[in-house]
Amino acid sequence: MPKRVDHEERRRAIAEALWRIACARGLDGASLRDVAAEAGISLGQLQHYFSSKDEMLVFALKYLGGLAEQRIRTRLLGLAGPPSPRDVLRETVMEMLPLDDASRTGNLVQIAYFVRALHDERLRGHAKEGVPALRAFFADRVREGIARGEVSADRSPDAEAMLLIALTDGLTTHVLLEACGPEEAVSLLDAHLDRLFTA
């Protein structure tokens, strides 16, 4: 009897092979053949699931995003009691920062994608899609903080959300370059949130 293949599982395995290559050497020189070899399948099998490297990269990023969302939910469920707006912001950013192997891998894949997206308008459009959603999510948490009296009413939720995204991006870069250690990045994040949630 022929072996049944779980197509979604195979797509995830290919995405994970792509992540390993992205972490080891970046994606510029990586071909579909390289990814197939890393995944332990033939090029023809890989092309059955993905017709191009860009299609594969978009899938890999969406898969990474889903895993990150699961880890954020797990973090929030691990807190004592219902999470405050500050808790939600902190745990979300903690998952975005490259503080462990999983988040480091995610960041390296995103950077490889970002570099390709700079020169490809279609990919750039996809890359930009997530920013408004993240900004709105952060801004809503700041609004909740204002409503609860934890954040000063004169703060702009949209501006604070973008500042937090910029802080996260900057800390990510410096942690990956080892110009800033993970502990210092967490300390700076906490200091920023402490200043925001001081009403």
C-alpha atoms as a PDB file:
ATOM      1  CA  MET A   1       0.000   0.000   0.000  1.00  0.00           C
ATOM      2  CA  PRO A   2       1.506   3.404  -0.959  1.00  0.00           C
ATOM      3  CA  LYS A   3       2.523   5.657   1.898  1.00  0.00           C
ATOM      4  CA  ARG A   4       0.100   8.546   2.473  1.00  0.00           C
ATOM      5  CA  VAL A   5       1.768  11.942   2.534  1.00  0.00           C
ATOM      6  CA  ASP A   6       0.472  14.701   4.788  1.00  0.00           C
ATOM      7  CA  HIS A   7       0.843  17.612   2.364  1.00  0.00           C
ATOM      8  CA  GLU A   8       0.643  20.318   5.017  1.00  0.00           C
ATOM      9  CA  GLU A   9       3.265  18.522   7.099  1.00  0.00           C
ATOM     10  CA  ARG A  10       5.525  18.272   4.021  1.00  0.00           C
ATOM     11  CA  ARG A  11       5.098  22.007   3.353  1.00  0.00           C
ATOM     12  CA  ARG A  12       6.055  22.737   6.970  1.00  0.00           C
ATOM     13  CA  ALA A  13       9.118  20.457   6.693  1.00  0.00           C
ATOM     14  CA  ILE A  14      10.215  22.353   3.580  1.00  0.00           C
ATOM     15  CA  ALA A  15       9.690  25.665   5.388  1.00  0.00           C
ATOM     16  CA  GLU A  16      11.834  24.421   8.279  1.00  0.00           C
ATOM     17  CA  ALA A  17      14.589  23.448   5.821  1.00  0.00           C
ATOM     18  CA  LEU A  18      14.414  26.963   4.411  1.00  0.00           C
ATOM     19  CA  TRP A  19      14.745  28.391   7.936  1.00  0.00           C
ATOM     20  CA  ARG A  20      17.877  26.313   8.567  1.00  0.00           C
ATOM     21  CA  ILE A  21      19.461  27.641   5.384  1.00  0.00           C
ATOM     22  CA  ALA A  22      18.425  31.224   6.190  1.00  0.00           C
ATOM     23  CA  CYS A  23      20.021  30.939   9.636  1.00  0.00           C
ATOM     24  CA  ALA A  24      23.211  29.316   8.370  1.00  0.00           C
ATOM     25  CA  ARG A  25      23.952  31.458   5.332  1.00  0.00           C
ATOM     26  CA  GLY A  26      21.057  33.688   4.334  1.00  0.00           C
ATOM     27  CA  LEU A  27      18.814  33.184   1.335  1.00  0.00           C
ATOM     28  CA  ASP A  28      20.465  35.085  -1.498  1.00  0.00           C
ATOM     29  CA  GLY A  29      22.526  32.181  -2.760  1.00  0.00           C
ATOM     30  CA  ALA A  30      20.053  29.458  -1.790  1.00  0.00           C
ATOM     31  CA  SER A  31      18.256  27.755  -4.674  1.00  0.00           C
ATOM     32  CA  LEU A  32      15.166  25.546  -4.662  1.00  0.00           C
ATOM     33  CA  ARG A  33      17.585  22.626  -5.180  1.00  0.00           C
ATOM     34  CA  ASP A  34      19.453  23.618  -1.972  1.00  0.00           C
ATOM     35  CA  VAL A  35      16.196  23.709   0.004  1.00  0.00           C
ATOM     36  CA  ALA A  36      15.113  20.358  -1.428  1.00  0.00           C
ATOM     37  CA  ALA A  37      18.433  18.793  -0.416  1.00  0.00           C
ATOM     38  CA  GLU A  38      18.150  20.260   3.090  1.00  0.00           C
ATOM     39  CA  ALA A  39      14.596  18.879   3.361  1.00  0.00           C
ATOM     40  CA  GLY A  40      15.729  15.443   2.114  1.00  0.00           C
ATOM     41  CA  ILE A  41      13.470  15.440  -0.947  1.00  0.00           C
ATOM     42  CA  SER A  42      13.937  15.804  -4.701  1.00  0.00           C
ATOM     43  CA  LEU A  43      13.620  19.124  -6.513  1.00  0.00           C
ATOM     44  CA  GLY A  44      10.558  17.756  -8.310  1.00  0.00           C
ATOM     45  CA  GLN A  45       8.892  16.926  -4.999  1.00  0.00           C
ATOM     46  CA  LEU A  46       9.599  20.424  -3.687  1.00  0.00           C
ATOM     47  CA  GLN A  47       8.164  22.003  -6.845  1.00  0.00           C
ATOM     48  CA  HIS A  48       4.984  20.004  -6.297  1.00  0.00           C
ATOM     49  CA  TYR A  49       4.453  22.140  -3.171  1.00  0.00           C
ATOM     50  CA  PHE A  50       6.072  25.458  -4.174  1.00  0.00           C
ATOM     51  CA  SER A  51       6.578  26.826  -7.671  1.00  0.00           C
ATOM     52  CA  SER A  52       9.075  29.514  -6.639  1.00  0.00           C
ATOM     53  CA  LYS A  53      11.386  30.509  -3.826  1.00  0.00           C
ATOM     54  CA  ASP A  54       9.246  33.548  -3.101  1.00  0.00           C
ATOM     55  CA  GLU A  55       6.089  31.429  -2.723  1.00  0.00           C
ATOM     56  CA  MET A  56       8.003  29.141  -0.363  1.00  0.00           C
ATOM     57  CA  LEU A  57       9.324  32.115   1.611  1.00  0.00           C
ATOM     58  CA  VAL A  58       5.848  33.638   2.030  1.00  0.00           C
ATOM     59  CA  PHE A  59       4.557  30.301   3.335  1.00  0.00           C
ATOM     60  CA  ALA A  60       7.558  29.971   5.686  1.00  0.00           C
ATOM     61  CA  LEU A  61       6.919  33.445   7.103  1.00  0.00           C
ATOM     62  CA  LYS A  62       3.212  32.766   7.653  1.00  0.00           C
ATOM     63  CA  TYR A  63       4.072  29.474   9.360  1.00  0.00           C
ATOM     64  CA  LEU A  64       6.610  31.263  11.573  1.00  0.00           C
ATOM     65  CA  GLY A  65       4.010  33.895  12.440  1.00  0.00           C
ATOM     66  CA  GLY A  66       1.518  31.232  13.459  1.00  0.00           C
ATOM     67  CA  LEU A  67       4.076  29.550  15.715  1.00  0.00           C
ATOM     68  CA  ALA A  68       4.950  32.908  17.306  1.00  0.00           C
ATOM     69  CA  GLU A  69       1.263  33.614  17.990  1.00  0.00           C
ATOM     70  CA  GLN A  70       0.963  30.227  19.699  1.00  0.00           C
ATOM     71  CA  ARG A  71       4.010  30.985  21.869  1.00  0.00           C
ATOM     72  CA  ILE A  72       2.563  34.406  22.825  1.00  0.00           C
ATOM     73  CA  ARG A  73      -0.741  32.792  23.834  1.00  0.00           C
ATOM     74  CA  THR A  74       1.173  30.228  25.921  1.00  0.00           C
ATOM     75  CA  ARG A  75       3.135  33.033  27.617  1.00  0.00           C
ATOM     76  CA  LEU A  76      -0.071  34.913  28.450  1.00  0.00           C
ATOM     77  CA  LEU A  77      -1.809  31.784  29.774  1.00  0.00           C
ATOM     78  CA  GLY A  78       1.190  31.229  32.048  1.00  0.00           C
ATOM     79  CA  LEU A  79       0.648  34.547  33.834  1.00  0.00           C
ATOM     80  CA  ALA A  80      -1.124  34.658  37.172  1.00  0.00           C
ATOM     81  CA  GLY A  81      -4.588  36.093  36.506  1.00  0.00           C
ATOM     82  CA  PRO A  82      -5.898  37.906  33.447  1.00  0.00           C
ATOM     83  CA  PRO A  83      -3.140  39.788  31.581  1.00  0.00           C
ATOM     84  CA  SER A  84      -3.084  43.576  31.793  1.00  0.00           C
ATOM     85  CA  PRO A  85      -2.490  45.663  28.627  1.00  0.00           C
ATOM     86  CA  ARG A  86       1.141  46.065  29.750  1.00  0.00           C
ATOM     87  CA  ASP A  87       1.467  42.285  30.155  1.00  0.00           C
ATOM     88  CA  VAL A  88       0.130  41.703  26.649  1.00  0.00           C
ATOM     89  CA  LEU A  89       2.537  44.232  25.129  1.00  0.00           C
ATOM     90  CA  ARG A  90       5.500  42.875  27.070  1.00  0.00           C
ATOM     91  CA  GLU A  91       4.857  39.216  26.273  1.00  0.00           C
ATOM     92  CA  THR A  92       4.255  39.986  22.598  1.00  0.00           C
ATOM     93  CA  VAL A  93       7.498  41.936  22.267  1.00  0.00           C
ATOM     94  CA  MET A  94       9.402  39.323  24.290  1.00  0.00           C
ATOM     95  CA  GLU A  95       8.376  36.787  21.653  1.00  0.00           C
ATOM     96  CA  MET A  96       9.394  39.129  18.823  1.00  0.00           C
ATOM     97  CA  LEU A  97      12.898  39.699  20.216  1.00  0.00           C
ATOM     98  CA  PRO A  98      15.619  37.121  19.343  1.00  0.00           C
ATOM     99  CA  LEU A  99      15.967  35.813  22.899  1.00  0.00           C
ATOM    100  CA  ASP A 100      15.985  32.068  22.120  1.00  0.00           C
ATOM    101  CA  ASP A 101      16.614  29.756  19.161  1.00  0.00           C
ATOM    102  CA  ALA A 102      13.014  29.859  17.896  1.00  0.00           C
ATOM    103  CA  SER A 103      12.707  33.651  17.885  1.00  0.00           C
ATOM    104  CA  ARG A 104      16.262  34.058  16.554  1.00  0.00           C
ATOM    105  CA  THR A 105      15.399  31.778  13.628  1.00  0.00           C
ATOM    106  CA  GLY A 106      12.200  33.730  12.988  1.00  0.00           C
ATOM    107  CA  ASN A 107      14.067  37.017  12.942  1.00  0.00           C
ATOM    108  CA  LEU A 108      16.776  35.751  10.597  1.00  0.00           C
ATOM    109  CA  VAL A 109      14.153  34.471   8.140  1.00  0.00           C
ATOM    110  CA  GLN A 110      12.296  37.798   8.333  1.00  0.00           C
ATOM    111  CA  ILE A 111      15.510  39.713   7.666  1.00  0.00           C
ATOM    112  CA  ALA A 112      16.284  37.517   4.638  1.00  0.00           C
ATOM    113  CA  TYR A 113      12.747  38.147   3.383  1.00  0.00           C
ATOM    114  CA  PHE A 114      13.054  41.886   4.069  1.00  0.00           C
ATOM    115  CA  VAL A 115      16.229  42.103   1.971  1.00  0.00           C
ATOM    116  CA  ARG A 116      14.481  40.398  -0.968  1.00  0.00           C
ATOM    117  CA  ALA A 117      11.356  42.549  -0.509  1.00  0.00           C
ATOM    118  CA  LEU A 118      13.375  45.767  -0.856  1.00  0.00           C
ATOM    119  CA  HIS A 119      13.898  44.924  -4.536  1.00  0.00           C
ATOM    120  CA  ASP A 120      10.594  43.182  -5.330  1.00  0.00           C
ATOM    121  CA  GLU A 121       7.405  45.238  -5.218  1.00  0.00           C
ATOM    122  CA  ARG A 122       5.113  42.186  -4.880  1.00  0.00           C
ATOM    123  CA  LEU A 123       7.058  40.860  -1.921  1.00  0.00           C
ATOM    124  CA  ARG A 124       7.279  44.347  -0.427  1.00  0.00           C
ATOM    125  CA  GLY A 125       3.495  44.612  -0.485  1.00  0.00           C
ATOM    126  CA  HIS A 126       3.201  41.337   1.392  1.00  0.00           C
ATOM    127  CA  ALA A 127       5.914  42.380   3.870  1.00  0.00           C
ATOM    128  CA  LYS A 128       4.094  45.631   4.675  1.00  0.00           C
ATOM    129  CA  GLU A 129       0.732  43.914   5.313  1.00  0.00           C
ATOM    130  CA  GLY A 130       1.598  42.877   8.859  1.00  0.00           C
ATOM    131  CA  VAL A 131       2.729  46.297  10.092  1.00  0.00           C
ATOM    132  CA  PRO A 132      -0.694  48.018  10.223  1.00  0.00           C
ATOM    133  CA  ALA A 133      -2.189  45.001  12.043  1.00  0.00           C
ATOM    134  CA  LEU A 134       0.618  44.943  14.615  1.00  0.00           C
ATOM    135  CA  ARG A 135       0.427  48.720  15.060  1.00  0.00           C
ATOM    136  CA  ALA A 136      -3.356  48.542  15.574  1.00  0.00           C
ATOM    137  CA  PHE A 137      -2.950  45.677  18.070  1.00  0.00           C
ATOM    138  CA  PHE A 138      -0.362  47.642  20.093  1.00  0.00           C
ATOM    139  CA  ALA A 139      -2.417  50.856  19.877  1.00  0.00           C
ATOM    140  CA  ASP A 140      -5.495  49.044  21.192  1.00  0.00           C
ATOM    141  CA  ARG A 141      -3.500  47.855  24.221  1.00  0.00           C
ATOM    142  CA  VAL A 142      -2.380  51.446  24.891  1.00  0.00           C
ATOM    143  CA  ARG A 143      -6.012  52.604  24.614  1.00  0.00           C
ATOM    144  CA  GLU A 144      -6.970  49.939  27.164  1.00  0.00           C
ATOM    145  CA  GLY A 145      -4.206  51.235  29.411  1.00  0.00           C
ATOM    146  CA  ILE A 146      -5.593  54.783  29.092  1.00  0.00           C
ATOM    147  CA  ALA A 147      -9.127  53.552  29.868  1.00  0.00           C
ATOM    148  CA  ARG A 148      -7.823  51.732  32.964  1.00  0.00           C
ATOM    149  CA  GLY A 149      -5.933  54.811  34.151  1.00  0.00           C
ATOM    150  CA  GLU A 150      -2.546  53.101  33.663  1.00  0.00           C
ATOM    151  CA  VAL A 151      -1.378  55.271  30.748  1.00  0.00           C
ATOM    152  CA  SER A 152      -1.584  59.061  30.657  1.00  0.00           C
ATOM    153  CA  ALA A 153      -4.551  60.281  28.615  1.00  0.00           C
ATOM    154  CA  ASP A 154      -2.326  62.666  26.638  1.00  0.00           C
ATOM    155  CA  ARG A 155      -0.427  59.787  25.027  1.00  0.00           C
ATOM    156  CA  SER A 156      -1.203  59.015  21.381  1.00  0.00           C
ATOM    157  CA  PRO A 157      -1.936  55.265  21.116  1.00  0.00           C
ATOM    158  CA  ASP A 158      -0.919  55.159  17.446  1.00  0.00           C
ATOM    159  CA  ALA A 159       2.364  56.992  18.053  1.00  0.00           C
ATOM    160  CA  GLU A 160       3.154  54.837  21.105  1.00  0.00           C
ATOM    161  CA  ALA A 161       2.445  51.703  19.079  1.00  0.00           C
ATOM    162  CA  MET A 162       4.872  52.763  16.347  1.00  0.00           C
ATOM    163  CA  LEU A 163       7.510  53.701  18.928  1.00  0.00           C
ATOM    164  CA  LEU A 164       7.217  50.226  20.454  1.00  0.00           C
ATOM    165  CA  ILE A 165       7.576  48.601  17.015  1.00  0.00           C
ATOM    166  CA  ALA A 166      10.645  50.763  16.311  1.00  0.00           C
ATOM    167  CA  LEU A 167      12.152  49.898  19.708  1.00  0.00           C
ATOM    168  CA  THR A 168      11.570  46.199  19.043  1.00  0.00           C
ATOM    169  CA  ASP A 169      13.160  46.390  15.584  1.00  0.00           C
ATOM    170  CA  GLY A 170      16.167  48.287  16.932  1.00  0.00           C
ATOM    171  CA  LEU A 171      16.714  45.925  19.853  1.00  0.00           C
ATOM    172  CA  THR A 172      16.347  42.940  17.514  1.00  0.00           C
ATOM    173  CA  THR A 173      19.100  44.262  15.248  1.00  0.00           C
ATOM    174  CA  HIS A 174      21.483  44.923  18.126  1.00  0.00           C
ATOM    175  CA  VAL A 175      20.856  41.559  19.809  1.00  0.00           C
ATOM    176  CA  LEU A 176      21.460  39.715  16.522  1.00  0.00           C
ATOM    177  CA  LEU A 177      24.689  41.682  16.004  1.00  0.00           C
ATOM    178  CA  GLU A 178      25.642  40.957  19.632  1.00  0.00           C
ATOM    179  CA  ALA A 179      26.025  44.690  20.253  1.00  0.00           C
ATOM    180  CA  CYS A 180      23.446  44.302  23.030  1.00  0.00           C
ATOM    181  CA  GLY A 181      22.812  41.223  25.138  1.00  0.00           C
ATOM    182  CA  PRO A 182      19.367  39.633  25.574  1.00  0.00           C
ATOM    183  CA  GLU A 183      19.210  40.677  29.249  1.00  0.00           C
ATOM    184  CA  GLU A 184      19.921  44.302  28.377  1.00  0.00           C
ATOM    185  CA  ALA A 185      17.269  44.211  25.628  1.00  0.00           C
ATOM    186  CA  VAL A 186      14.660  42.949  28.103  1.00  0.00           C
ATOM    187  CA  SER A 187      15.724  45.572  30.631  1.00  0.00           C
ATOM    188  CA  LEU A 188      15.353  48.357  28.039  1.00  0.00           C
ATOM    189  CA  LEU A 189      11.939  47.035  27.003  1.00  0.00           C
ATOM    190  CA  ASP A 190      10.805  47.017  30.639  1.00  0.00           C
ATOM    191  CA  ALA A 191      12.134  50.551  31.169  1.00  0.00           C
ATOM    192  CA  HIS A 192      10.190  51.767  28.124  1.00  0.00           C
ATOM    193  CA  LEU A 193       6.963  50.103  29.290  1.00  0.00           C
ATOM    194  CA  ASP A 194       7.476  51.437  32.816  1.00  0.00           C
ATOM    195  CA  ARG A 195       7.640  54.991  31.410  1.00  0.00           C
ATOM    196  CA  LEU A 196       4.534  54.389  29.300  1.00  0.00           C
ATOM    197  CA  PHE A 197       2.452  52.788  32.062  1.00  0.00           C
ATOM    198  CA  THR A 198       2.988  55.452  34.736  1.00  0.00           C
ATOM    199  CA  ALA A 199      -0.372  57.251  34.971  1.00  0.00           C
END
